[in-house]
Amino acid sequence: MGQYSPDLLAPGLDVVFCGINPASTAVADGHNFSNRSNRFWEVLYRAGFTDIRLRPEDERQLLTYRCGITAAVSRATPRADDITVSEFRAARPDFEEKIRNLRPRSLAFLGKRAVVAMLEDPHIAFGLQPFSVAGVTTWVLPNPSGLNRRFTLDALVDAYAELRMSLS
């Protein structure tokens, strides 16, 4: 097992994708979105963020595409629903400071759970948001987890491609 961090970041990226928290499998594998059922890498490729389909072990290459990865909460768990609302709220100040310091063009939450808990607003829709987080344009995209079967691969690609097109 290599050293793992949920953060794959640099200043001034076009977009930072924000997951809920690291999966235990990501920590064990040493790479983000490493579960075989997770559709993150395929969606990024099909939505045009990358010109090749990256593998989890290639994740550092994502920075060359001006994209980064972080997590709302840094505690790894077997399931994302193991993170409590109070953990999201407690993580908010440090999370916002990190985003404010990095100043990406856009922040994209992968799923609603973290942003709904952090902002204490249950009425957040998918897509471009009318608010910013840490002064950064904010999007909420469907979570690419293999457990999220409410969204087909095509629906995920369409949602992510809308963000990509806004960055052009």
Foldseek 3Di string as FASTA:
>chain_A
DDQAFQKLAAAAFQEEEEEAEAAPVCRVVRFGPQPPLFCVQVLCCLLPLDVDRDHRVRQNCSVVSSYIYHYLAHDYDNDSVVDDLVRLQVSQVVVLVVCLVRVHQEYEYAADVSVCSNVVPPPDDAAFDPDHRNPHGYGYAHHRGSVPPVADSVRRNVSVSVSVVVSD
